[in-house]
């Protein structure tokens, strides 16, 4: 994968009713984010730590003269620390005027999801999975069970 890939670079045509999602791994669990809310995927970054920030906040990075807060997504949902891995990735998400980076262990693939493949967030992809207000649905595609990350809910929870 190139060092930085934006959603416009990967083709967005989807069958009627389907939407593309980027599948991510944080800890030993899989998650999905709508590809239209992914700005780019970056290699590991050096973070400027914020005094007093909790363990889920990696710190700040500068991307083309724009300062972004980066969350360690595994830490945010109680699955260890993605940012500790030398090969982790930062997925830059945009929701309206707000942007946030998610440190994840790996970017797995892009999958087309149909609404029928998703169920309400009350169900967990794997027993023992974390609960968080920004995990809005669960589903299965490309052989992976995953939780869908609601970007607006994530931004509201972490950047309020």
C-alpha atoms as a PDB file:
ATOM      1  CA  UNK A   1       0.000   0.000   0.000  1.00  0.00           C
ATOM      2  CA  UNK A   2       1.387   3.478  -0.779  1.00  0.00           C
ATOM      3  CA  UNK A   3       2.330   5.624   2.192  1.00  0.00           C
ATOM      4  CA  UNK A   4      -0.777   7.796   1.833  1.00  0.00           C
ATOM      5  CA  UNK A   5      -3.998   6.723   0.113  1.00  0.00           C
ATOM      6  CA  UNK A   6      -7.095   8.888  -0.112  1.00  0.00           C
ATOM      7  CA  UNK A   7     -10.527   7.467  -0.909  1.00  0.00           C
ATOM      8  CA  UNK A   8     -10.545   9.219  -4.279  1.00  0.00           C
ATOM      9  CA  UNK A   9      -7.540   7.089  -5.263  1.00  0.00           C
ATOM     10  CA  UNK A  10      -9.282   3.743  -4.862  1.00  0.00           C
ATOM     11  CA  UNK A  11     -12.483   4.000  -6.910  1.00  0.00           C
ATOM     12  CA  UNK A  12     -15.839   4.388  -5.210  1.00  0.00           C
ATOM     13  CA  UNK A  13     -18.356   2.762  -7.562  1.00  0.00           C
ATOM     14  CA  UNK A  14     -20.557   0.433  -5.530  1.00  0.00           C
ATOM     15  CA  UNK A  15     -23.586  -1.665  -6.418  1.00  0.00           C
ATOM     16  CA  UNK A  16     -26.963  -0.163  -5.604  1.00  0.00           C
ATOM     17  CA  UNK A  17     -27.568  -0.193  -1.842  1.00  0.00           C
ATOM     18  CA  UNK A  18     -23.967  -1.163  -1.052  1.00  0.00           C
ATOM     19  CA  UNK A  19     -21.368   1.086   0.495  1.00  0.00           C
ATOM     20  CA  UNK A  20     -17.643   0.669   0.748  1.00  0.00           C
ATOM     21  CA  UNK A  21     -16.013   0.419   4.156  1.00  0.00           C
ATOM     22  CA  UNK A  22     -12.379   0.273   5.176  1.00  0.00           C
ATOM     23  CA  UNK A  23     -11.758  -2.761   7.386  1.00  0.00           C
ATOM     24  CA  UNK A  24      -9.289  -2.151  10.228  1.00  0.00           C
ATOM     25  CA  UNK A  25      -7.721  -4.274  12.931  1.00  0.00           C
ATOM     26  CA  UNK A  26      -7.260  -2.947  16.460  1.00  0.00           C
ATOM     27  CA  UNK A  27      -5.940  -5.476  18.924  1.00  0.00           C
ATOM     28  CA  UNK A  28      -7.387  -8.826  17.873  1.00  0.00           C
ATOM     29  CA  UNK A  29     -10.717  -7.384  16.671  1.00  0.00           C
ATOM     30  CA  UNK A  30     -11.890  -5.969  13.362  1.00  0.00           C
ATOM     31  CA  UNK A  31     -13.716  -2.706  12.734  1.00  0.00           C
ATOM     32  CA  UNK A  32     -15.097  -0.897   9.678  1.00  0.00           C
ATOM     33  CA  UNK A  33     -15.440   2.777   8.784  1.00  0.00           C
ATOM     34  CA  UNK A  34     -17.350   4.201   5.812  1.00  0.00           C
ATOM     35  CA  UNK A  35     -14.790   4.843   3.082  1.00  0.00           C
ATOM     36  CA  UNK A  36     -16.365   8.214   2.260  1.00  0.00           C
ATOM     37  CA  UNK A  37     -15.275   9.444   5.693  1.00  0.00           C
ATOM     38  CA  UNK A  38     -11.668   8.261   5.263  1.00  0.00           C
ATOM     39  CA  UNK A  39      -9.408  11.025   4.078  1.00  0.00           C
ATOM     40  CA  UNK A  40      -6.208   9.010   3.956  1.00  0.00           C
ATOM     41  CA  UNK A  41      -4.115   6.305   5.560  1.00  0.00           C
ATOM     42  CA  UNK A  42      -0.694   7.278   6.891  1.00  0.00           C
ATOM     43  CA  UNK A  43       2.278   5.232   8.068  1.00  0.00           C
ATOM     44  CA  UNK A  44       3.351   5.370  11.711  1.00  0.00           C
ATOM     45  CA  UNK A  45       3.804   8.911  12.984  1.00  0.00           C
ATOM     46  CA  UNK A  46       5.748  10.606  15.774  1.00  0.00           C
ATOM     47  CA  UNK A  47       3.194  12.062  18.167  1.00  0.00           C
ATOM     48  CA  UNK A  48       3.394  15.170  20.316  1.00  0.00           C
ATOM     49  CA  UNK A  49       1.960  13.958  23.632  1.00  0.00           C
ATOM     50  CA  UNK A  50      -0.588  16.099  25.406  1.00  0.00           C
ATOM     51  CA  UNK A  51      -0.012  16.520  29.151  1.00  0.00           C
ATOM     52  CA  UNK A  52      -2.861  14.989  31.120  1.00  0.00           C
ATOM     53  CA  UNK A  53      -4.348  13.190  28.115  1.00  0.00           C
ATOM     54  CA  UNK A  54      -5.661   9.704  28.778  1.00  0.00           C
ATOM     55  CA  UNK A  55      -4.045   6.532  27.435  1.00  0.00           C
ATOM     56  CA  UNK A  56      -6.325   6.474  24.381  1.00  0.00           C
ATOM     57  CA  UNK A  57      -4.891   9.771  23.106  1.00  0.00           C
ATOM     58  CA  UNK A  58      -1.627   9.233  21.205  1.00  0.00           C
ATOM     59  CA  UNK A  59      -1.120  12.957  20.766  1.00  0.00           C
ATOM     60  CA  UNK A  60      -0.998  15.415  17.921  1.00  0.00           C
ATOM     61  CA  UNK A  61       0.434  15.150  14.416  1.00  0.00           C
ATOM     62  CA  UNK A  62       0.808  17.651  11.608  1.00  0.00           C
ATOM     63  CA  UNK A  63      -0.549  16.646   8.212  1.00  0.00           C
ATOM     64  CA  UNK A  64       0.028  19.246   5.490  1.00  0.00           C
ATOM     65  CA  UNK A  65       0.079  22.098   8.021  1.00  0.00           C
ATOM     66  CA  UNK A  66      -3.054  20.832   9.751  1.00  0.00           C
ATOM     67  CA  UNK A  67      -2.865  19.633  13.367  1.00  0.00           C
ATOM     68  CA  UNK A  68      -4.814  16.448  14.116  1.00  0.00           C
ATOM     69  CA  UNK A  69      -5.573  14.631  17.342  1.00  0.00           C
ATOM     70  CA  UNK A  70      -4.752  10.917  17.040  1.00  0.00           C
ATOM     71  CA  UNK A  71      -6.564   8.327  19.137  1.00  0.00           C
ATOM     72  CA  UNK A  72      -5.197   4.881  19.806  1.00  0.00           C
ATOM     73  CA  UNK A  73      -8.341   3.031  18.799  1.00  0.00           C
ATOM     74  CA  UNK A  74      -7.408  -0.232  20.518  1.00  0.00           C
ATOM     75  CA  UNK A  75      -6.827   1.646  23.786  1.00  0.00           C
ATOM     76  CA  UNK A  76     -10.113   3.532  23.350  1.00  0.00           C
ATOM     77  CA  UNK A  77     -12.063   0.268  23.284  1.00  0.00           C
ATOM     78  CA  UNK A  78      -9.959  -1.642  25.814  1.00  0.00           C
ATOM     79  CA  UNK A  79      -7.959  -3.854  23.447  1.00  0.00           C
ATOM     80  CA  UNK A  80      -4.371  -2.871  24.228  1.00  0.00           C
ATOM     81  CA  UNK A  81      -2.370  -0.276  22.316  1.00  0.00           C
ATOM     82  CA  UNK A  82      -2.222  -0.109  18.522  1.00  0.00           C
ATOM     83  CA  UNK A  83       0.242   2.782  18.569  1.00  0.00           C
ATOM     84  CA  UNK A  84       2.853   0.618  20.319  1.00  0.00           C
ATOM     85  CA  UNK A  85       3.353  -1.439  17.149  1.00  0.00           C
ATOM     86  CA  UNK A  86       6.156  -0.280  14.878  1.00  0.00           C
ATOM     87  CA  UNK A  87       4.030  -0.894  11.774  1.00  0.00           C
ATOM     88  CA  UNK A  88       0.737   0.621  12.914  1.00  0.00           C
ATOM     89  CA  UNK A  89      -1.218   2.942  10.627  1.00  0.00           C
ATOM     90  CA  UNK A  90      -3.063   6.210  11.181  1.00  0.00           C
ATOM     91  CA  UNK A  91      -6.439   6.390   9.468  1.00  0.00           C
ATOM     92  CA  UNK A  92      -7.468  10.032   9.053  1.00  0.00           C
ATOM     93  CA  UNK A  93     -11.242  10.404   9.268  1.00  0.00           C
ATOM     94  CA  UNK A  94     -13.240  13.470   8.308  1.00  0.00           C
ATOM     95  CA  UNK A  95     -16.721  14.297   9.481  1.00  0.00           C
ATOM     96  CA  UNK A  96     -17.920  17.705   8.402  1.00  0.00           C
ATOM     97  CA  UNK A  97     -15.301  20.219   9.478  1.00  0.00           C
ATOM     98  CA  UNK A  98     -13.785  17.869  12.074  1.00  0.00           C
ATOM     99  CA  UNK A  99     -10.922  15.453  11.497  1.00  0.00           C
ATOM    100  CA  UNK A 100      -9.384  12.844  13.747  1.00  0.00           C
ATOM    101  CA  UNK A 101      -6.672  10.232  13.311  1.00  0.00           C
ATOM    102  CA  UNK A 102      -7.126   6.651  14.490  1.00  0.00           C
ATOM    103  CA  UNK A 103      -4.015   4.617  15.244  1.00  0.00           C
ATOM    104  CA  UNK A 104      -4.816   1.019  14.303  1.00  0.00           C
ATOM    105  CA  UNK A 105      -2.754  -2.147  14.108  1.00  0.00           C
ATOM    106  CA  UNK A 106      -3.524  -2.708  10.432  1.00  0.00           C
ATOM    107  CA  UNK A 107      -5.645  -1.660   7.502  1.00  0.00           C
ATOM    108  CA  UNK A 108      -7.059  -4.944   6.220  1.00  0.00           C
ATOM    109  CA  UNK A 109      -9.019  -4.219   3.049  1.00  0.00           C
ATOM    110  CA  UNK A 110     -11.908  -2.377   1.457  1.00  0.00           C
ATOM    111  CA  UNK A 111     -15.219  -4.244   1.537  1.00  0.00           C
ATOM    112  CA  UNK A 112     -18.608  -3.538  -0.009  1.00  0.00           C
ATOM    113  CA  UNK A 113     -21.305  -3.814   2.629  1.00  0.00           C
ATOM    114  CA  UNK A 114     -25.003  -4.113   1.990  1.00  0.00           C
ATOM    115  CA  UNK A 115     -27.378  -2.933   4.720  1.00  0.00           C
ATOM    116  CA  UNK A 116     -28.759  -6.474   5.126  1.00  0.00           C
ATOM    117  CA  UNK A 117     -25.274  -7.641   6.233  1.00  0.00           C
ATOM    118  CA  UNK A 118     -25.364  -5.315   9.265  1.00  0.00           C
ATOM    119  CA  UNK A 119     -27.233  -5.704  12.523  1.00  0.00           C
ATOM    120  CA  UNK A 120     -27.940  -3.372  15.425  1.00  0.00           C
ATOM    121  CA  UNK A 121     -25.079  -2.477  17.744  1.00  0.00           C
ATOM    122  CA  UNK A 122     -26.626  -4.431  20.634  1.00  0.00           C
ATOM    123  CA  UNK A 123     -25.023  -7.547  19.159  1.00  0.00           C
ATOM    124  CA  UNK A 124     -21.259  -7.915  19.439  1.00  0.00           C
ATOM    125  CA  UNK A 125     -19.120  -9.369  16.650  1.00  0.00           C
ATOM    126  CA  UNK A 126     -17.300 -11.638  19.101  1.00  0.00           C
ATOM    127  CA  UNK A 127     -18.266 -12.384  22.705  1.00  0.00           C
ATOM    128  CA  UNK A 128     -16.305 -10.090  24.997  1.00  0.00           C
ATOM    129  CA  UNK A 129     -16.016  -7.264  22.472  1.00  0.00           C
ATOM    130  CA  UNK A 130     -15.958  -3.759  23.858  1.00  0.00           C
ATOM    131  CA  UNK A 131     -18.976  -1.513  24.109  1.00  0.00           C
ATOM    132  CA  UNK A 132     -18.724   2.098  23.043  1.00  0.00           C
ATOM    133  CA  UNK A 133     -21.303   4.604  21.801  1.00  0.00           C
ATOM    134  CA  UNK A 134     -19.435   4.946  18.505  1.00  0.00           C
ATOM    135  CA  UNK A 135     -19.719   1.230  17.637  1.00  0.00           C
ATOM    136  CA  UNK A 136     -23.017   1.543  15.781  1.00  0.00           C
ATOM    137  CA  UNK A 137     -23.527  -1.830  14.073  1.00  0.00           C
ATOM    138  CA  UNK A 138     -21.943  -5.206  13.524  1.00  0.00           C
ATOM    139  CA  UNK A 139     -21.513  -7.129  10.333  1.00  0.00           C
ATOM    140  CA  UNK A 140     -19.602  -9.686   8.362  1.00  0.00           C
ATOM    141  CA  UNK A 141     -17.824  -9.352   5.018  1.00  0.00           C
ATOM    142  CA  UNK A 142     -14.776 -10.831   3.325  1.00  0.00           C
ATOM    143  CA  UNK A 143     -14.619 -13.483   6.067  1.00  0.00           C
ATOM    144  CA  UNK A 144     -14.339 -10.954   8.907  1.00  0.00           C
ATOM    145  CA  UNK A 145     -16.834 -10.170  11.673  1.00  0.00           C
ATOM    146  CA  UNK A 146     -16.513  -6.534  12.653  1.00  0.00           C
ATOM    147  CA  UNK A 147     -18.070  -3.591  14.442  1.00  0.00           C
ATOM    148  CA  UNK A 148     -18.899  -0.509  12.387  1.00  0.00           C
ATOM    149  CA  UNK A 149     -17.489   2.750  13.736  1.00  0.00           C
ATOM    150  CA  UNK A 150     -19.904   5.671  13.517  1.00  0.00           C
ATOM    151  CA  UNK A 151     -17.579   8.551  12.681  1.00  0.00           C
ATOM    152  CA  UNK A 152     -20.000  11.250  13.874  1.00  0.00           C
ATOM    153  CA  UNK A 153     -20.395   9.390  17.195  1.00  0.00           C
ATOM    154  CA  UNK A 154     -16.619   8.952  17.488  1.00  0.00           C
ATOM    155  CA  UNK A 155     -15.976  12.645  16.828  1.00  0.00           C
ATOM    156  CA  UNK A 156     -18.671  13.633  19.353  1.00  0.00           C
ATOM    157  CA  UNK A 157     -17.260  11.303  22.007  1.00  0.00           C
ATOM    158  CA  UNK A 158     -13.578  12.222  21.643  1.00  0.00           C
ATOM    159  CA  UNK A 159     -13.450  15.749  20.248  1.00  0.00           C
ATOM    160  CA  UNK A 160     -16.304  17.370  22.163  1.00  0.00           C
END
